[in-house]
Amino acid sequence: MSLVLLSAVVVLGILSVLRVQSAGWPRFLTVGLHRNLALMTLVFLALHILTAVVDPFTHLGWLAAVVPFSSYYRTFWLGLGTIAFELLLAIVLTSLVRGFIGQAAWRLVHWLTYAAWPFAVLHGVGTGTDAWSAWLFTLQAFCVIAVLAAVGYRFMTGSRDPLADARSSFQDAVDRREPR
């Protein structure tokens, strides 16, 4: 569930940056849903970490949840999950202090999502006991396809600034206006 929610958060984040909207889907809905799903993702991620730490089969302990590659159990794959968690934690913390650190610093840290998400996917593939079952493989494939499609769409749109064309058109209109 954490991967599905995180994938939805990434896709909605990309769509909100691109200011995607339609008559049936206003832009404020994308931004609000992105924020709320991000919070729900954190709840499911906390439950995931808690249940993994207290699981008697793995005997992970809290150290493995916060120090990458410190677990004896599936060390590499759990380390990727720990890194993904810490990157997401950095994103959450900077979002909470966004007004203090400024938009540019917040955006720079928010780009870590593009690193956290693949680490989370790889963590799930390498650690999950049923990762290669048909249902979970299909779900993971759907998440990967959705995020890659959103990232591809973002790069195909060209401008990193979704308002650049509007500002350019406005400036052209101002420049053509005759002085009084």
N, C-alpha and C. Protein backbone atom coordinates (compact mmCIF):
# COMPACT_ATOMS: atom_id res chain seq x y z
N MET A 1 0.82 -1.19 0.00
CA MET A 1 0.00 0.00 0.00
C MET A 1 0.86 1.26 0.00
N SER A 2 1.99 1.19 0.72
CA SER A 2 2.88 2.36 0.77
C SER A 2 3.38 2.72 -0.61
N LEU A 3 3.72 1.71 -1.42
CA LEU A 3 4.22 1.99 -2.77
C LEU A 3 3.13 2.59 -3.65
N VAL A 4 1.93 2.09 -3.55
CA VAL A 4 0.82 2.63 -4.35
C VAL A 4 0.57 4.10 -3.97
N LEU A 5 0.54 4.37 -2.68
CA LEU A 5 0.31 5.74 -2.23
C LEU A 5 1.46 6.66 -2.63
N LEU A 6 2.69 6.19 -2.44
CA LEU A 6 3.85 7.01 -2.81
C LEU A 6 3.86 7.28 -4.31
N SER A 7 3.52 6.28 -5.10
CA SER A 7 3.46 6.47 -6.56
C SER A 7 2.39 7.50 -6.92
N ALA A 8 1.23 7.42 -6.27
CA ALA A 8 0.17 8.39 -6.52
C ALA A 8 0.62 9.80 -6.13
N VAL A 9 1.35 9.92 -5.01
CA VAL A 9 1.85 11.22 -4.57
C VAL A 9 2.83 11.79 -5.60
N VAL A 10 3.71 10.94 -6.13
CA VAL A 10 4.68 11.40 -7.13
C VAL A 10 3.95 11.86 -8.40
N VAL A 11 3.01 11.06 -8.87
CA VAL A 11 2.26 11.42 -10.08
C VAL A 11 1.50 12.73 -9.87
N LEU A 12 0.81 12.85 -8.75
CA LEU A 12 0.05 14.08 -8.48
C LEU A 12 0.97 15.27 -8.29
N GLY A 13 2.14 15.05 -7.72
CA GLY A 13 3.11 16.14 -7.58
C GLY A 13 3.56 16.66 -8.93
N ILE A 14 3.82 15.74 -9.84
CA ILE A 14 4.23 16.13 -11.19
C ILE A 14 3.10 16.87 -11.90
N LEU A 15 1.88 16.35 -11.78
CA LEU A 15 0.73 16.99 -12.42
C LEU A 15 0.46 18.37 -11.84
N SER A 16 0.68 18.54 -10.53
CA SER A 16 0.43 19.85 -9.94
C SER A 16 1.49 20.86 -10.36
N VAL A 17 2.73 20.41 -10.53
CA VAL A 17 3.79 21.30 -11.01
C VAL A 17 3.47 21.76 -12.44
N LEU A 18 2.92 20.86 -13.23
CA LEU A 18 2.58 21.19 -14.61
C LEU A 18 1.26 21.95 -14.71
N ARG A 19 0.59 22.12 -13.58
CA ARG A 19 -0.68 22.82 -13.51
C ARG A 19 -1.73 22.17 -14.42
N VAL A 20 -1.76 20.85 -14.39
CA VAL A 20 -2.73 20.10 -15.17
C VAL A 20 -4.11 20.26 -14.54
N GLN A 21 -5.07 20.57 -15.37
CA GLN A 21 -6.44 20.71 -14.90
C GLN A 21 -7.38 20.49 -16.07
N SER A 22 -8.63 20.24 -15.75
CA SER A 22 -9.68 20.14 -16.76
C SER A 22 -10.96 20.64 -16.11
N ALA A 23 -12.02 20.67 -16.87
CA ALA A 23 -13.29 21.16 -16.32
C ALA A 23 -13.75 20.28 -15.16
N GLY A 24 -13.53 18.98 -15.27
CA GLY A 24 -13.96 18.05 -14.22
C GLY A 24 -12.92 17.83 -13.14
N TRP A 25 -11.73 18.39 -13.30
CA TRP A 25 -10.64 18.17 -12.34
C TRP A 25 -9.88 19.48 -12.15
N PRO A 26 -10.35 20.36 -11.29
CA PRO A 26 -9.67 21.65 -11.09
C PRO A 26 -8.29 21.46 -10.44
N ARG A 27 -7.42 22.42 -10.65
CA ARG A 27 -6.04 22.34 -10.19
C ARG A 27 -5.93 22.22 -8.67
N PHE A 28 -6.81 22.93 -7.94
CA PHE A 28 -6.73 22.87 -6.48
C PHE A 28 -6.97 21.45 -5.97
N LEU A 29 -7.74 20.66 -6.72
CA LEU A 29 -7.99 19.29 -6.33
C LEU A 29 -6.71 18.46 -6.43
N THR A 30 -5.91 18.68 -7.46
CA THR A 30 -4.65 17.96 -7.62
C THR A 30 -3.70 18.29 -6.48
N VAL A 31 -3.57 19.55 -6.14
CA VAL A 31 -2.66 19.97 -5.08
C VAL A 31 -3.13 19.44 -3.73
N GLY A 32 -4.41 19.58 -3.45
CA GLY A 32 -4.96 19.09 -2.18
C GLY A 32 -4.85 17.58 -2.04
N LEU A 33 -5.17 16.89 -3.10
CA LEU A 33 -5.07 15.43 -3.08
C LEU A 33 -3.61 14.99 -2.92
N HIS A 34 -2.70 15.71 -3.57
CA HIS A 34 -1.27 15.42 -3.42
C HIS A 34 -0.85 15.53 -1.96
N ARG A 35 -1.22 16.60 -1.31
CA ARG A 35 -0.86 16.80 0.10
C ARG A 35 -1.48 15.75 1.01
N ASN A 36 -2.77 15.49 0.83
CA ASN A 36 -3.45 14.53 1.69
C ASN A 36 -2.94 13.11 1.48
N LEU A 37 -2.69 12.74 0.23
CA LEU A 37 -2.13 11.41 -0.02
C LEU A 37 -0.71 11.30 0.53
N ALA A 38 0.03 12.39 0.52
CA ALA A 38 1.38 12.37 1.10
C ALA A 38 1.30 12.08 2.59
N LEU A 39 0.34 12.70 3.28
CA LEU A 39 0.16 12.43 4.70
C LEU A 39 -0.27 10.99 4.95
N MET A 40 -1.18 10.48 4.13
CA MET A 40 -1.61 9.10 4.27
C MET A 40 -0.45 8.14 3.98
N THR A 41 0.39 8.49 3.02
CA THR A 41 1.56 7.68 2.73
C THR A 41 2.46 7.58 3.94
N LEU A 42 2.65 8.69 4.63
CA LEU A 42 3.49 8.68 5.83
C LEU A 42 2.90 7.79 6.92
N VAL A 43 1.59 7.78 7.07
CA VAL A 43 0.95 6.92 8.06
C VAL A 43 1.19 5.45 7.71
N PHE A 44 0.97 5.09 6.44
CA PHE A 44 1.19 3.70 6.04
C PHE A 44 2.67 3.32 6.11
N LEU A 45 3.54 4.27 5.80
CA LEU A 45 4.98 4.01 5.90
C LEU A 45 5.38 3.79 7.35
N ALA A 46 4.83 4.58 8.27
CA ALA A 46 5.13 4.39 9.70
C ALA A 46 4.63 3.02 10.17
N LEU A 47 3.44 2.63 9.74
CA LEU A 47 2.92 1.30 10.08
C LEU A 47 3.81 0.20 9.49
N HIS A 48 4.26 0.39 8.27
CA HIS A 48 5.14 -0.57 7.61
C HIS A 48 6.44 -0.74 8.40
N ILE A 49 7.04 0.37 8.78
CA ILE A 49 8.30 0.32 9.52
C ILE A 49 8.08 -0.30 10.90
N LEU A 50 7.03 0.12 11.57
CA LEU A 50 6.73 -0.41 12.91
C LEU A 50 6.52 -1.92 12.88
N THR A 51 5.70 -2.39 11.95
CA THR A 51 5.45 -3.83 11.90
C THR A 51 6.69 -4.61 11.48
N ALA A 52 7.53 -4.02 10.64
CA ALA A 52 8.78 -4.71 10.26
C ALA A 52 9.74 -4.79 11.44
N VAL A 53 9.79 -3.74 12.24
CA VAL A 53 10.71 -3.71 13.38
C VAL A 53 10.27 -4.71 14.46
N VAL A 54 8.99 -4.82 14.70
CA VAL A 54 8.52 -5.73 15.76
C VAL A 54 8.26 -7.14 15.26
N ASP A 55 8.43 -7.40 13.98
CA ASP A 55 8.22 -8.73 13.42
C ASP A 55 9.23 -9.71 14.02
N PRO A 56 8.75 -10.78 14.67
CA PRO A 56 9.69 -11.72 15.30
C PRO A 56 10.51 -12.54 14.29
N PHE A 57 10.04 -12.63 13.05
CA PHE A 57 10.77 -13.41 12.04
C PHE A 57 12.09 -12.73 11.65
N THR A 58 12.06 -11.43 11.47
CA THR A 58 13.25 -10.72 10.99
C THR A 58 14.16 -10.20 12.08
N HIS A 59 13.61 -9.90 13.26
CA HIS A 59 14.41 -9.33 14.37
C HIS A 59 15.22 -8.13 13.89
N LEU A 60 14.59 -7.20 13.21
CA LEU A 60 15.31 -6.06 12.65
C LEU A 60 15.81 -5.09 13.71
N GLY A 61 14.96 -4.67 14.58
CA GLY A 61 15.32 -3.65 15.55
C GLY A 61 15.26 -2.27 14.92
N TRP A 62 15.32 -1.25 15.78
CA TRP A 62 15.18 0.13 15.31
C TRP A 62 16.41 0.61 14.57
N LEU A 63 17.57 0.07 14.85
CA LEU A 63 18.79 0.52 14.18
C LEU A 63 18.67 0.31 12.66
N ALA A 64 18.15 -0.83 12.25
CA ALA A 64 18.01 -1.12 10.82
C ALA A 64 17.02 -0.18 10.14
N ALA A 65 16.11 0.39 10.94
CA ALA A 65 15.12 1.32 10.37
C ALA A 65 15.70 2.70 10.13
N VAL A 66 16.81 3.03 10.79
CA VAL A 66 17.36 4.38 10.66
C VAL A 66 18.80 4.43 10.13
N VAL A 67 19.50 3.33 10.17
CA VAL A 67 20.87 3.29 9.66
C VAL A 67 20.90 2.37 8.43
N PRO A 68 21.11 2.94 7.25
CA PRO A 68 21.10 2.12 6.03
C PRO A 68 22.16 1.02 6.06
N PHE A 69 21.79 -0.14 5.58
CA PHE A 69 22.68 -1.29 5.40
C PHE A 69 23.23 -1.83 6.73
N SER A 70 22.50 -1.63 7.83
CA SER A 70 22.97 -2.13 9.13
C SER A 70 22.28 -3.42 9.53
N SER A 71 21.33 -3.89 8.76
CA SER A 71 20.60 -5.10 9.10
C SER A 71 21.31 -6.34 8.57
N TYR A 72 21.20 -7.41 9.31
CA TYR A 72 21.74 -8.68 8.81
C TYR A 72 20.77 -9.34 7.84
N TYR A 73 19.50 -8.96 7.90
CA TYR A 73 18.46 -9.56 7.07
C TYR A 73 18.29 -8.76 5.78
N ARG A 74 18.60 -9.38 4.65
CA ARG A 74 18.47 -8.73 3.34
C ARG A 74 19.04 -7.31 3.37
N THR A 75 20.29 -7.23 3.73
CA THR A 75 20.98 -5.98 4.04
C THR A 75 20.82 -4.92 2.95
N PHE A 76 21.12 -5.29 1.71
CA PHE A 76 21.08 -4.32 0.62
C PHE A 76 19.67 -3.78 0.41
N TRP A 77 18.68 -4.67 0.35
CA TRP A 77 17.31 -4.26 0.03
C TRP A 77 16.70 -3.45 1.17
N LEU A 78 16.98 -3.84 2.41
CA LEU A 78 16.50 -3.04 3.54
C LEU A 78 17.20 -1.70 3.60
N GLY A 79 18.48 -1.67 3.22
CA GLY A 79 19.22 -0.40 3.17
C GLY A 79 18.59 0.57 2.19
N LEU A 80 18.15 0.06 1.05
CA LEU A 80 17.47 0.93 0.07
C LEU A 80 16.18 1.49 0.65
N GLY A 81 15.45 0.66 1.39
CA GLY A 81 14.23 1.13 2.03
C GLY A 81 14.51 2.20 3.07
N THR A 82 15.59 2.02 3.83
CA THR A 82 15.96 3.02 4.84
C THR A 82 16.34 4.34 4.18
N ILE A 83 17.08 4.27 3.08
CA ILE A 83 17.45 5.49 2.36
C ILE A 83 16.19 6.18 1.82
N ALA A 84 15.27 5.40 1.25
CA ALA A 84 14.03 5.99 0.74
C ALA A 84 13.27 6.67 1.88
N PHE A 85 13.20 6.02 3.03
CA PHE A 85 12.52 6.61 4.19
C PHE A 85 13.18 7.91 4.61
N GLU A 86 14.50 7.93 4.67
CA GLU A 86 15.20 9.14 5.11
C GLU A 86 15.06 10.28 4.11
N LEU A 87 15.05 9.96 2.82
CA LEU A 87 14.82 10.99 1.82
C LEU A 87 13.41 11.58 1.96
N LEU A 88 12.43 10.70 2.17
CA LEU A 88 11.05 11.17 2.36
C LEU A 88 10.94 11.99 3.65
N LEU A 89 11.67 11.59 4.67
CA LEU A 89 11.66 12.35 5.92
C LEU A 89 12.22 13.76 5.70
N ALA A 90 13.28 13.86 4.89
CA ALA A 90 13.84 15.19 4.57
C ALA A 90 12.82 16.04 3.83
N ILE A 91 12.07 15.42 2.93
CA ILE A 91 11.05 16.15 2.18
C ILE A 91 9.95 16.65 3.11
N VAL A 92 9.52 15.79 4.03
CA VAL A 92 8.47 16.17 4.98
C VAL A 92 8.95 17.29 5.89
N LEU A 93 10.13 17.15 6.44
CA LEU A 93 10.64 18.16 7.37
C LEU A 93 10.80 19.52 6.69
N THR A 94 11.32 19.52 5.48
CA THR A 94 11.47 20.80 4.78
C THR A 94 10.12 21.37 4.37
N SER A 95 9.14 20.51 4.13
CA SER A 95 7.80 21.02 3.83
C SER A 95 7.19 21.70 5.04
N LEU A 96 7.51 21.20 6.22
CA LEU A 96 6.99 21.82 7.44
C LEU A 96 7.61 23.18 7.71
N VAL A 97 8.84 23.39 7.24
CA VAL A 97 9.52 24.67 7.49
C VAL A 97 9.72 25.45 6.19
N ARG A 98 8.88 25.18 5.24
CA ARG A 98 8.99 25.80 3.92
C ARG A 98 9.03 27.32 3.98
N GLY A 99 8.24 27.91 4.84
CA GLY A 99 8.21 29.36 4.97
C GLY A 99 9.52 29.94 5.49
N PHE A 100 10.26 29.16 6.24
CA PHE A 100 11.53 29.63 6.81
C PHE A 100 12.71 29.43 5.87
N ILE A 101 12.69 28.34 5.10
CA ILE A 101 13.85 28.03 4.25
C ILE A 101 13.71 28.60 2.84
N GLY A 102 12.53 29.00 2.45
CA GLY A 102 12.32 29.59 1.13
C GLY A 102 11.93 28.55 0.09
N GLN A 103 11.31 29.06 -0.95
CA GLN A 103 10.80 28.22 -2.03
C GLN A 103 11.91 27.46 -2.76
N ALA A 104 13.03 28.13 -3.04
CA ALA A 104 14.10 27.50 -3.81
C ALA A 104 14.70 26.32 -3.06
N ALA A 105 14.99 26.50 -1.77
CA ALA A 105 15.57 25.41 -0.97
C ALA A 105 14.57 24.27 -0.84
N TRP A 106 13.31 24.62 -0.62
CA TRP A 106 12.28 23.58 -0.50
C TRP A 106 12.17 22.78 -1.79
N ARG A 107 12.17 23.48 -2.92
CA ARG A 107 12.06 22.79 -4.21
C ARG A 107 13.26 21.88 -4.47
N LEU A 108 14.44 22.36 -4.11
CA LEU A 108 15.65 21.55 -4.28
C LEU A 108 15.56 20.25 -3.49
N VAL A 109 15.12 20.34 -2.25
CA VAL A 109 14.97 19.14 -1.43
C VAL A 109 13.83 18.27 -1.96
N HIS A 110 12.78 18.90 -2.45
CA HIS A 110 11.64 18.14 -2.97
C HIS A 110 12.03 17.29 -4.18
N TRP A 111 13.07 17.68 -4.89
CA TRP A 111 13.55 16.87 -6.01
C TRP A 111 14.05 15.51 -5.54
N LEU A 112 14.29 15.34 -4.25
CA LEU A 112 14.71 14.04 -3.71
C LEU A 112 13.65 12.96 -3.91
N THR A 113 12.42 13.39 -4.17
CA THR A 113 11.36 12.42 -4.44
C THR A 113 11.72 11.54 -5.63
N TYR A 114 12.39 12.14 -6.61
CA TYR A 114 12.79 11.36 -7.78
C TYR A 114 13.84 10.32 -7.44
N ALA A 115 14.52 10.44 -6.31
CA ALA A 115 15.46 9.42 -5.84
C ALA A 115 14.77 8.46 -4.87
N ALA A 116 13.92 8.99 -4.00
CA ALA A 116 13.27 8.16 -2.98
C ALA A 116 12.36 7.12 -3.60
N TRP A 117 11.62 7.51 -4.62
CA TRP A 117 10.65 6.58 -5.20
C TRP A 117 11.30 5.33 -5.78
N PRO A 118 12.36 5.43 -6.63
CA PRO A 118 12.94 4.19 -7.15
C PRO A 118 13.60 3.34 -6.04
N PHE A 119 14.16 4.01 -5.01
CA PHE A 119 14.71 3.24 -3.89
C PHE A 119 13.60 2.45 -3.22
N ALA A 120 12.43 3.05 -3.07
CA ALA A 120 11.29 2.36 -2.46
C ALA A 120 10.83 1.20 -3.32
N VAL A 121 10.79 1.40 -4.64
CA VAL A 121 10.39 0.32 -5.54
C VAL A 121 11.37 -0.85 -5.43
N LEU A 122 12.65 -0.55 -5.51
CA LEU A 122 13.67 -1.61 -5.42
C LEU A 122 13.63 -2.31 -4.06
N HIS A 123 13.40 -1.55 -3.01
CA HIS A 123 13.26 -2.12 -1.67
C HIS A 123 12.13 -3.14 -1.65
N GLY A 124 11.00 -2.79 -2.22
CA GLY A 124 9.86 -3.69 -2.25
C GLY A 124 10.10 -4.93 -3.07
N VAL A 125 10.78 -4.77 -4.20
CA VAL A 125 11.06 -5.91 -5.07
C VAL A 125 12.04 -6.87 -4.39
N GLY A 126 13.06 -6.32 -3.73
CA GLY A 126 14.09 -7.17 -3.14
C GLY A 126 13.79 -7.70 -1.77
N THR A 127 12.89 -7.06 -1.04
CA THR A 127 12.64 -7.46 0.34
C THR A 127 11.35 -8.24 0.49
N GLY A 128 10.36 -7.91 -0.28
CA GLY A 128 9.05 -8.54 -0.12
C GLY A 128 9.10 -10.04 -0.34
N THR A 129 8.46 -10.77 0.57
CA THR A 129 8.44 -12.23 0.44
C THR A 129 7.53 -12.68 -0.70
N ASP A 130 6.59 -11.85 -1.07
CA ASP A 130 5.69 -12.19 -2.18
C ASP A 130 5.84 -11.21 -3.34
N ALA A 131 7.01 -10.62 -3.47
CA ALA A 131 7.24 -9.59 -4.50
C ALA A 131 7.04 -10.12 -5.92
N TRP A 132 7.27 -11.38 -6.11
CA TRP A 132 7.14 -11.93 -7.46
C TRP A 132 5.83 -12.67 -7.68
N SER A 133 4.89 -12.53 -6.74
CA SER A 133 3.57 -13.10 -6.99
C SER A 133 2.90 -12.26 -8.07
N ALA A 134 2.00 -12.88 -8.82
CA ALA A 134 1.40 -12.21 -9.97
C ALA A 134 0.68 -10.91 -9.59
N TRP A 135 -0.08 -10.92 -8.51
CA TRP A 135 -0.85 -9.74 -8.12
C TRP A 135 0.06 -8.59 -7.71
N LEU A 136 1.12 -8.89 -6.94
CA LEU A 136 1.99 -7.82 -6.48
C LEU A 136 2.89 -7.33 -7.61
N PHE A 137 3.34 -8.24 -8.45
CA PHE A 137 4.15 -7.83 -9.59
C PHE A 137 3.34 -6.91 -10.51
N THR A 138 2.07 -7.23 -10.72
CA THR A 138 1.19 -6.39 -11.54
C THR A 138 1.01 -5.01 -10.90
N LEU A 139 0.82 -4.98 -9.60
CA LEU A 139 0.66 -3.72 -8.89
C LEU A 139 1.93 -2.87 -8.97
N GLN A 140 3.08 -3.50 -8.79
CA GLN A 140 4.35 -2.77 -8.89
C GLN A 140 4.57 -2.26 -10.31
N ALA A 141 4.24 -3.09 -11.29
CA ALA A 141 4.39 -2.67 -12.69
C ALA A 141 3.49 -1.48 -12.99
N PHE A 142 2.27 -1.51 -12.48
CA PHE A 142 1.34 -0.39 -12.68
C PHE A 142 1.92 0.89 -12.07
N CYS A 143 2.47 0.79 -10.86
CA CYS A 143 3.07 1.97 -10.21
C CYS A 143 4.23 2.51 -11.02
N VAL A 144 5.09 1.63 -11.50
CA VAL A 144 6.25 2.05 -12.29
C VAL A 144 5.79 2.72 -13.59
N ILE A 145 4.84 2.12 -14.27
CA ILE A 145 4.34 2.68 -15.53
C ILE A 145 3.71 4.05 -15.29
N ALA A 146 2.92 4.19 -14.22
CA ALA A 146 2.25 5.46 -13.94
C ALA A 146 3.27 6.57 -13.67
N VAL A 147 4.28 6.28 -12.86
CA VAL A 147 5.27 7.31 -12.54
C VAL A 147 6.13 7.62 -13.76
N LEU A 148 6.55 6.61 -14.49
CA LEU A 148 7.35 6.87 -15.69
C LEU A 148 6.56 7.66 -16.73
N ALA A 149 5.26 7.38 -16.85
CA ALA A 149 4.42 8.15 -17.79
C ALA A 149 4.34 9.61 -17.35
N ALA A 150 4.17 9.86 -16.05
CA ALA A 150 4.10 11.24 -15.56
C ALA A 150 5.43 11.96 -15.75
N VAL A 151 6.54 11.28 -15.46
CA VAL A 151 7.86 11.88 -15.65
C VAL A 151 8.10 12.16 -17.14
N GLY A 152 7.73 11.20 -17.98
CA GLY A 152 7.86 11.40 -19.43
C GLY A 152 7.04 12.58 -19.91
N TYR A 153 5.82 12.68 -19.41
CA TYR A 153 4.96 13.81 -19.79
C TYR A 153 5.57 15.13 -19.35
N ARG A 154 6.17 15.13 -18.16
CA ARG A 154 6.82 16.35 -17.65
C ARG A 154 7.95 16.79 -18.56
N PHE A 155 8.76 15.84 -19.02
CA PHE A 155 9.88 16.20 -19.89
C PHE A 155 9.42 16.54 -21.30
N MET A 156 8.31 15.96 -21.74
CA MET A 156 7.80 16.26 -23.08
C MET A 156 7.18 17.64 -23.17
N THR A 157 6.76 18.19 -22.04
CA THR A 157 6.14 19.51 -22.07
C THR A 157 7.15 20.60 -22.33
N GLY A 158 8.43 20.28 -22.19
CA GLY A 158 9.47 21.24 -22.55
C GLY A 158 9.85 22.18 -21.45
N SER A 159 9.06 23.18 -21.19
CA SER A 159 9.40 24.22 -20.23
C SER A 159 9.37 23.67 -18.81
N ARG A 160 10.38 24.03 -18.02
CA ARG A 160 10.38 23.67 -16.61
C ARG A 160 9.48 24.62 -15.84
N ASP A 161 9.17 25.74 -16.45
CA ASP A 161 8.29 26.72 -15.82
C ASP A 161 6.96 26.70 -16.56
N PRO A 162 5.92 26.16 -15.94
CA PRO A 162 4.64 26.05 -16.65
C PRO A 162 4.01 27.38 -17.00
N LEU A 163 4.45 28.47 -16.38
CA LEU A 163 3.87 29.78 -16.69
C LEU A 163 4.75 30.59 -17.65
N ALA A 164 5.85 30.01 -18.14
CA ALA A 164 6.78 30.74 -19.00
C ALA A 164 6.08 31.22 -20.28
N ASP A 165 5.28 30.36 -20.89
CA ASP A 165 4.59 30.76 -22.13
C ASP A 165 3.61 31.90 -21.87
N ALA A 166 2.88 31.83 -20.78
CA ALA A 166 1.92 32.90 -20.46
C ALA A 166 2.64 34.22 -20.22
N ARG A 167 3.75 34.17 -19.48
CA ARG A 167 4.51 35.41 -19.22
C ARG A 167 5.10 35.95 -20.51
N SER A 168 5.57 35.08 -21.37
CA SER A 168 6.16 35.50 -22.63
C SER A 168 5.11 36.17 -23.52
N SER A 169 3.92 35.58 -23.58
CA SER A 169 2.83 36.17 -24.38
C SER A 169 2.43 37.52 -23.82
N PHE A 170 2.36 37.62 -22.51
CA PHE A 170 2.01 38.88 -21.87
C PHE A 170 3.07 39.94 -22.17
N GLN A 171 4.34 39.56 -22.07
CA GLN A 171 5.43 40.50 -22.34
C GLN A 171 5.41 40.96 -23.79
N ASP A 172 5.11 40.04 -24.72
CA ASP A 172 5.00 40.41 -26.13
C ASP A 172 3.89 41.43 -26.34
N ALA A 173 2.76 41.23 -25.66
CA ALA A 173 1.64 42.16 -25.78
C ALA A 173 2.01 43.53 -25.21
N VAL A 174 2.74 43.55 -24.12
CA VAL A 174 3.17 44.82 -23.52
C VAL A 174 4.16 45.52 -24.46
N ASP A 175 5.08 44.77 -25.05
CA ASP A 175 6.07 45.35 -25.95
C ASP A 175 5.44 45.94 -27.21
N ARG A 176 4.34 45.33 -27.71
CA ARG A 176 3.70 45.82 -28.92
C ARG A 176 2.82 47.01 -28.67
N ARG A 177 2.46 47.22 -27.44
CA ARG A 177 1.59 48.33 -27.11
C ARG A 177 2.30 49.65 -27.40
N GLU A 178 1.59 50.54 -28.06
CA GLU A 178 2.18 51.84 -28.42
C GLU A 178 2.21 52.74 -27.20
N PRO A 179 3.28 53.53 -27.07
CA PRO A 179 3.34 54.47 -25.96
C PRO A 179 2.29 55.57 -26.13
N ARG A 180 1.78 56.11 -25.07
CA ARG A 180 0.75 57.14 -25.13
C ARG A 180 1.35 58.50 -25.15
